[in-house]
């Protein structure tokens, strides 16, 4: 897989034969505008709008074509999509960049779709206004709000009239979660962490209640103040890079401290080493990060290089039951 900095071009390949996707895009050695911040495991709210606010989707065929390209490129660039919505003149995606290749994913997606659109409607020139916008999201609370913000777009934008209609609306990830649909590439695994049902109820019910709770109020996009249904203004885009940097630095501090306390090298804690000492130290890192940081367990697992299932097991295991005395260590 191509990585930024390892090559100067990205071959888009024949993504969809006959639709103009088999092109090479040159990656310049430097950009005049500030670089986008991306790293393995980063979560981004990504959105793009048509030039001069013109429609980028004229009918269902256009929307289906866009979604097919999303699905193809997600797999190609190791990206997962948690939430999405298509509006007449803009789109929203909530994605996780596993390999740090968000820019290549978006370049392939938007260039390929633009070529398809221009060919179909016999037009030339740019389809999208400027570059796509993206915002890093690191806090679990912001992830929940971002999911609701994106999935309520059709309702706030008056594409549908009620929550009942939104439940059946095919051009948002909301319907995919409730009843399924064509977007089989949508990653629903993270939802189980973000919307755990109280009393053991199914997470989908908890998710639906959370979405509906925001349907009658002005629910702003995380850290922007922009209301769902409208396209976020450029002035409202506040980079979260410092927050992400501080969170990761805090994680590394905790990792280093636990490494020294337990005499286990940090690189043995990060990974899948199964020794008793490594597993115990890894459990401590998870618990201390969960207790002292506003970050999801899923993100901590990604930093540690383990699966979410493994992290969940570690968090649940090793807890002493009340009344049991912990064995003492010492001279005996």
Protein backbone atom coordinates (compact mmCIF):
# COMPACT_ATOMS: atom_id res chain seq x y z
CA UNK A 1 0.00 0.00 0.00
CA UNK A 2 1.18 3.46 -0.88
CA UNK A 3 2.02 5.71 2.04
CA UNK A 4 2.51 9.45 2.02
CA UNK A 5 6.18 10.24 1.80
CA UNK A 6 7.09 6.94 0.14
CA UNK A 7 6.06 7.86 -3.39
CA UNK A 8 5.25 10.93 -5.42
CA UNK A 9 2.19 9.54 -7.17
CA UNK A 10 -0.87 7.48 -6.38
CA UNK A 11 -2.26 5.22 -9.10
CA UNK A 12 -6.03 5.34 -8.69
CA UNK A 13 -6.38 2.21 -10.78
CA UNK A 14 -9.39 1.09 -12.74
CA UNK A 15 -11.83 1.50 -9.89
CA UNK A 16 -14.86 1.50 -12.11
CA UNK A 17 -14.04 0.78 -15.77
CA UNK A 18 -15.62 3.25 -18.14
CA UNK A 19 -16.02 5.97 -15.55
CA UNK A 20 -12.62 7.61 -15.76
CA UNK A 21 -11.05 6.42 -12.50
CA UNK A 22 -7.87 4.90 -13.93
CA UNK A 23 -5.62 7.93 -13.61
CA UNK A 24 -2.37 8.84 -11.92
CA UNK A 25 -2.32 11.76 -9.49
CA UNK A 26 0.96 13.46 -8.75
CA UNK A 27 1.76 14.16 -5.13
CA UNK A 28 3.87 17.34 -5.03
CA UNK A 29 6.92 17.44 -2.74
CA UNK A 30 5.32 20.25 -0.76
CA UNK A 31 1.98 22.03 -0.52
CA UNK A 32 1.37 25.75 -0.31
CA UNK A 33 -1.47 25.19 2.12
CA UNK A 34 -1.03 23.70 5.56
CA UNK A 35 -0.80 19.90 5.63
CA UNK A 36 -3.67 17.85 6.95
CA UNK A 37 -3.01 16.09 10.21
CA UNK A 38 -3.54 12.34 10.07
CA UNK A 39 -2.10 9.32 11.84
CA UNK A 40 -2.98 5.63 12.14
CA UNK A 41 -6.20 5.25 14.10
CA UNK A 42 -7.27 8.90 13.76
CA UNK A 43 -10.98 9.69 13.54
CA UNK A 44 -12.14 12.43 11.17
CA UNK A 45 -15.40 14.20 10.42
CA UNK A 46 -15.02 14.81 6.68
CA UNK A 47 -17.33 16.92 4.53
CA UNK A 48 -17.33 18.42 1.06
CA UNK A 49 -19.67 20.74 -0.84
CA UNK A 50 -20.41 21.41 -4.48
CA UNK A 51 -18.81 24.43 -6.12
CA UNK A 52 -20.99 27.55 -5.82
CA UNK A 53 -23.24 25.42 -3.57
CA UNK A 54 -24.48 23.51 -6.60
CA UNK A 55 -25.92 20.02 -6.30
CA UNK A 56 -23.42 17.19 -6.49
CA UNK A 57 -26.16 14.52 -6.49
CA UNK A 58 -28.97 14.96 -9.03
CA UNK A 59 -30.66 11.59 -8.65
CA UNK A 60 -30.39 8.23 -6.92
CA UNK A 61 -28.00 6.92 -9.55
CA UNK A 62 -25.49 9.62 -8.59
CA UNK A 63 -25.89 8.85 -4.90
CA UNK A 64 -25.46 5.12 -5.48
CA UNK A 65 -22.38 5.74 -7.61
CA UNK A 66 -20.83 7.84 -4.83
CA UNK A 67 -21.54 5.19 -2.20
CA UNK A 68 -20.04 2.44 -4.36
CA UNK A 69 -16.88 4.48 -4.68
CA UNK A 70 -16.82 5.10 -0.93
CA UNK A 71 -17.03 1.36 -0.28
CA UNK A 72 -14.32 0.51 -2.80
CA UNK A 73 -11.86 3.08 -1.51
CA UNK A 74 -12.49 2.33 2.16
CA UNK A 75 -11.13 -1.15 1.63
CA UNK A 76 -8.31 0.05 -0.58
CA UNK A 77 -6.91 2.62 1.84
CA UNK A 78 -7.67 0.89 5.17
CA UNK A 79 -10.37 3.34 6.19
CA UNK A 80 -13.54 2.52 8.10
CA UNK A 81 -16.70 4.62 7.94
CA UNK A 82 -18.82 4.90 11.08
CA UNK A 83 -21.47 7.42 9.98
CA UNK A 84 -22.42 9.16 6.72
CA UNK A 85 -25.06 11.29 5.07
CA UNK A 86 -25.64 12.52 1.52
CA UNK A 87 -27.36 15.88 1.01
CA UNK A 88 -28.15 17.47 -2.38
CA UNK A 89 -25.09 19.72 -2.43
CA UNK A 90 -22.79 18.20 0.19
CA UNK A 91 -21.83 15.03 2.04
CA UNK A 92 -20.63 14.04 5.50
CA UNK A 93 -18.43 11.08 6.45
CA UNK A 94 -17.22 10.04 9.89
CA UNK A 95 -14.19 7.85 9.21
CA UNK A 96 -11.30 6.21 11.00
CA UNK A 97 -7.97 6.21 9.17
CA UNK A 98 -6.23 2.98 10.15
CA UNK A 99 -3.21 3.54 7.93
CA UNK A 100 -2.97 7.34 8.01
CA UNK A 101 -4.04 7.61 4.34
CA UNK A 102 -7.10 9.87 4.60
CA UNK A 103 -5.82 12.28 1.95
CA UNK A 104 -5.29 9.51 -0.60
CA UNK A 105 -8.71 8.02 0.17
CA UNK A 106 -10.43 11.36 -0.36
CA UNK A 107 -8.41 12.17 -3.46
CA UNK A 108 -9.38 8.88 -5.10
CA UNK A 109 -13.01 9.22 -4.04
CA UNK A 110 -13.58 12.81 -5.12
CA UNK A 111 -11.53 12.72 -8.31
CA UNK A 112 -13.19 9.53 -9.51
CA UNK A 113 -16.69 10.77 -8.70
CA UNK A 114 -16.03 14.15 -10.34
CA UNK A 115 -14.94 12.43 -13.55
CA UNK A 116 -18.06 10.25 -13.51
CA UNK A 117 -20.32 13.26 -12.86
CA UNK A 118 -18.73 15.42 -15.58
CA UNK A 119 -18.95 12.62 -18.11
CA UNK A 120 -22.56 11.85 -17.33
CA UNK A 121 -23.75 15.46 -17.49
CA UNK A 122 -21.38 16.60 -20.25
CA UNK A 123 -19.74 19.27 -18.11
CA UNK A 124 -16.18 20.38 -17.43
CA UNK A 125 -14.41 21.99 -14.50
CA UNK A 126 -14.43 21.49 -10.75
CA UNK A 127 -17.35 19.78 -9.07
CA UNK A 128 -16.37 20.38 -5.45
CA UNK A 129 -15.71 23.70 -3.73
CA UNK A 130 -12.05 23.97 -2.69
CA UNK A 131 -10.59 21.09 -0.71
CA UNK A 132 -12.72 18.82 1.40
CA UNK A 133 -12.86 19.81 5.08
CA UNK A 134 -11.88 17.49 7.90
CA UNK A 135 -11.78 17.71 11.67
CA UNK A 136 -9.98 15.34 13.98
CA UNK A 137 -12.18 13.92 16.72
CA UNK A 138 -10.57 12.38 19.78
CA UNK A 139 -13.09 12.52 22.61
CA UNK A 140 -15.70 9.79 22.91
CA UNK A 141 -18.36 12.36 23.83
CA UNK A 142 -17.60 14.26 20.62
CA UNK A 143 -17.87 11.06 18.59
CA UNK A 144 -21.40 10.50 19.83
CA UNK A 145 -22.41 14.07 18.99
CA UNK A 146 -20.76 13.82 15.56
CA UNK A 147 -22.71 10.64 14.76
CA UNK A 148 -25.96 12.31 15.74
CA UNK A 149 -25.09 15.50 13.88
CA UNK A 150 -24.36 13.60 10.66
CA UNK A 151 -27.33 11.24 10.78
CA UNK A 152 -29.80 14.02 11.57
CA UNK A 153 -28.71 16.05 8.52
CA UNK A 154 -31.59 14.89 6.27
CA UNK A 155 -34.13 15.79 8.96
CA UNK A 156 -32.61 19.18 9.78
CA UNK A 157 -32.11 19.86 6.07
CA UNK A 158 -35.81 19.04 5.41
CA UNK A 159 -35.08 16.11 3.14
CA UNK A 160 -37.41 14.15 5.43
CA UNK A 161 -40.20 15.42 7.69
CA UNK A 162 -39.98 13.16 10.73
CA UNK A 163 -37.89 10.62 12.58
CA UNK A 164 -40.10 7.90 11.13
CA UNK A 165 -39.19 9.03 7.63
CA UNK A 166 -35.53 9.32 8.61
CA UNK A 167 -35.61 5.68 9.74
CA UNK A 168 -36.46 4.72 6.15
CA UNK A 169 -34.29 7.32 4.37
CA UNK A 170 -31.71 5.38 2.30
CA UNK A 171 -29.05 8.10 1.97
CA UNK A 172 -27.70 8.12 5.50
CA UNK A 173 -26.02 5.56 7.74
CA UNK A 174 -28.95 5.82 10.16
CA UNK A 175 -31.10 3.44 8.12
CA UNK A 176 -28.16 1.07 7.64
CA UNK A 177 -27.90 0.76 11.42
CA UNK A 178 -31.62 0.19 11.98
CA UNK A 179 -32.65 -2.06 9.09
CA UNK A 180 -29.63 -2.54 6.83
CA UNK A 181 -29.12 -1.35 3.26
CA UNK A 182 -26.65 -1.18 0.41
CA UNK A 183 -23.83 0.38 2.45
CA UNK A 184 -22.60 -2.95 3.82
CA UNK A 185 -19.17 -1.37 4.27
CA UNK A 186 -20.39 0.80 7.14
CA UNK A 187 -18.50 -0.13 10.32
CA UNK A 188 -20.98 -0.74 13.12
CA UNK A 189 -18.55 -2.29 15.60
CA UNK A 190 -17.63 1.07 17.15
CA UNK A 191 -21.30 1.84 17.80
CA UNK A 192 -21.42 -0.88 20.43
CA UNK A 193 -18.84 1.05 22.46
CA UNK A 194 -20.45 4.45 21.93
CA UNK A 195 -24.04 3.37 22.66
CA UNK A 196 -24.03 0.56 25.24
CA UNK A 197 -27.60 -0.19 26.19
CA UNK A 198 -28.59 0.25 29.86
CA UNK A 199 -29.60 -2.92 31.65
CA UNK A 200 -28.23 -5.09 28.87
CA UNK A 201 -30.62 -3.82 26.18
CA UNK A 202 -29.46 -3.87 22.59
CA UNK A 203 -27.15 -1.04 21.53
CA UNK A 204 -29.29 -0.22 18.48
CA UNK A 205 -32.19 0.80 20.74
CA UNK A 206 -29.88 3.03 22.79
CA UNK A 207 -28.48 4.55 19.60
CA UNK A 208 -32.00 5.26 18.25
CA UNK A 209 -33.03 6.94 21.51
CA UNK A 210 -29.90 9.11 21.47
CA UNK A 211 -30.54 10.22 17.87
CA UNK A 212 -34.19 11.00 18.55
CA UNK A 213 -33.29 12.99 21.66
CA UNK A 214 -31.51 15.49 19.40
CA UNK A 215 -34.16 15.68 16.69
CA UNK A 216 -36.08 18.53 18.32
CA UNK A 217 -33.17 20.67 19.47
CA UNK A 218 -30.44 22.68 17.79
CA UNK A 219 -27.71 20.06 18.00
CA UNK A 220 -24.42 21.73 16.94
CA UNK A 221 -21.56 19.91 15.34
CA UNK A 222 -18.80 19.15 17.88
CA UNK A 223 -16.80 22.29 18.70
CA UNK A 224 -18.25 24.31 15.80
CA UNK A 225 -21.68 25.64 16.74
CA UNK A 226 -22.92 24.73 13.25
CA UNK A 227 -26.41 23.22 13.12
CA UNK A 228 -27.08 19.91 11.37
CA UNK A 229 -28.65 20.28 7.94
CA UNK A 230 -26.38 23.13 6.92
CA UNK A 231 -22.83 22.85 5.62
CA UNK A 232 -20.28 23.88 8.28
CA UNK A 233 -18.65 27.19 7.48
CA UNK A 234 -14.89 27.39 7.00
CA UNK A 235 -14.59 29.77 9.93
CA UNK A 236 -16.18 27.19 12.19
CA UNK A 237 -13.56 24.55 11.47
CA UNK A 238 -11.33 24.44 14.53
CA UNK A 239 -8.46 21.94 14.24
CA UNK A 240 -8.31 19.41 17.06
CA UNK A 241 -4.67 18.53 16.50
CA UNK A 242 -3.43 19.96 19.83
CA UNK A 243 -6.08 17.94 21.70
CA UNK A 244 -5.09 14.73 19.92
CA UNK A 245 -1.42 15.41 20.50
CA UNK A 246 -1.95 16.01 24.21
CA UNK A 247 -4.05 12.86 24.55
CA UNK A 248 -1.43 10.72 22.89
CA UNK A 249 1.32 12.32 24.96
CA UNK A 250 -0.68 11.53 28.10
CA UNK A 251 -1.05 7.94 26.95
CA UNK A 252 2.72 7.69 26.43
CA UNK A 253 3.34 9.13 29.91
CA UNK A 254 1.08 6.51 31.48
CA UNK A 255 2.70 3.78 29.39
CA UNK A 256 6.19 4.89 30.44
CA UNK A 257 5.25 5.08 34.10
CA UNK A 258 3.71 1.60 34.13
CA UNK A 259 6.67 0.24 32.19
CA UNK A 260 9.08 1.51 34.84
CA UNK A 261 6.90 0.37 37.76
CA UNK A 262 6.61 -3.16 36.42
CA UNK A 263 10.02 -3.51 34.80
CA UNK A 264 8.41 -4.38 31.47
CA UNK A 265 9.68 -2.67 28.28
CA UNK A 266 7.09 -0.39 26.69
CA UNK A 267 7.41 -2.15 23.34
CA UNK A 268 6.43 -5.42 25.05
CA UNK A 269 3.35 -3.79 26.57
CA UNK A 270 2.34 -2.42 23.17
CA UNK A 271 1.50 -5.44 21.09
CA UNK A 272 0.37 -9.00 21.57
CA UNK A 273 3.02 -10.47 23.87
CA UNK A 274 1.22 -12.94 26.14
CA UNK A 275 3.56 -13.15 29.08
CA UNK A 276 2.04 -12.68 32.56
CA UNK A 277 3.97 -9.45 33.17
CA UNK A 278 3.16 -7.94 29.76
CA UNK A 279 -0.56 -8.72 30.03
CA UNK A 280 -0.74 -7.33 33.57
CA UNK A 281 1.02 -4.11 32.56
CA UNK A 282 -1.22 -3.77 29.51
CA UNK A 283 -4.28 -4.08 31.74
CA UNK A 284 -2.93 -1.32 33.99
CA UNK A 285 -2.41 0.97 30.99
CA UNK A 286 -5.98 0.43 29.84
CA UNK A 287 -7.46 1.09 33.26
CA UNK A 288 -5.37 4.15 34.05
CA UNK A 289 -6.06 5.67 30.63
CA UNK A 290 -9.80 5.02 30.98
CA UNK A 291 -9.82 6.54 34.47
CA UNK A 292 -7.69 9.59 33.70
CA UNK A 293 -8.43 10.47 30.07
CA UNK A 294 -11.53 11.40 28.07
CA UNK A 295 -10.84 8.87 25.33
CA UNK A 296 -12.61 5.72 24.18
CA UNK A 297 -11.38 2.24 25.03
CA UNK A 298 -11.23 1.59 21.30
CA UNK A 299 -8.69 4.40 20.84
CA UNK A 300 -6.53 3.13 23.70
CA UNK A 301 -6.58 -0.34 22.15
CA UNK A 302 -5.41 1.09 18.83
CA UNK A 303 -2.53 2.87 20.56
CA UNK A 304 -1.62 -0.40 22.30
CA UNK A 305 -1.83 -2.37 19.08
CA UNK A 306 -4.49 -4.82 20.31
CA UNK A 307 -8.03 -5.58 19.22
CA UNK A 308 -11.04 -4.02 20.94
CA UNK A 309 -12.18 -7.49 22.02
CA UNK A 310 -8.83 -8.12 23.69
CA UNK A 311 -8.98 -4.73 25.39
CA UNK A 312 -12.50 -5.38 26.63
CA UNK A 313 -11.44 -8.71 28.08
CA UNK A 314 -8.50 -7.10 29.89
CA UNK A 315 -10.73 -4.41 31.37
CA UNK A 316 -13.21 -7.00 32.63
CA UNK A 317 -10.69 -9.52 33.90
CA UNK A 318 -8.41 -9.37 36.91
CA UNK A 319 -10.98 -7.59 39.11
CA UNK A 320 -11.04 -8.97 42.64
CA UNK A 321 -14.43 -9.89 44.02
CA UNK A 322 -15.52 -8.27 47.32
CA UNK A 323 -14.35 -10.19 50.35
CA UNK A 324 -11.41 -11.82 48.64
CA UNK A 325 -8.05 -10.94 50.07
CA UNK A 326 -5.33 -10.13 47.58
CA UNK A 327 -2.28 -12.40 48.10
CA UNK A 328 0.53 -10.51 49.74
CA UNK A 329 3.96 -10.29 48.25
CA UNK A 330 6.97 -10.10 50.45
CA UNK A 331 9.48 -12.07 52.42
CA UNK A 332 8.05 -15.33 53.69
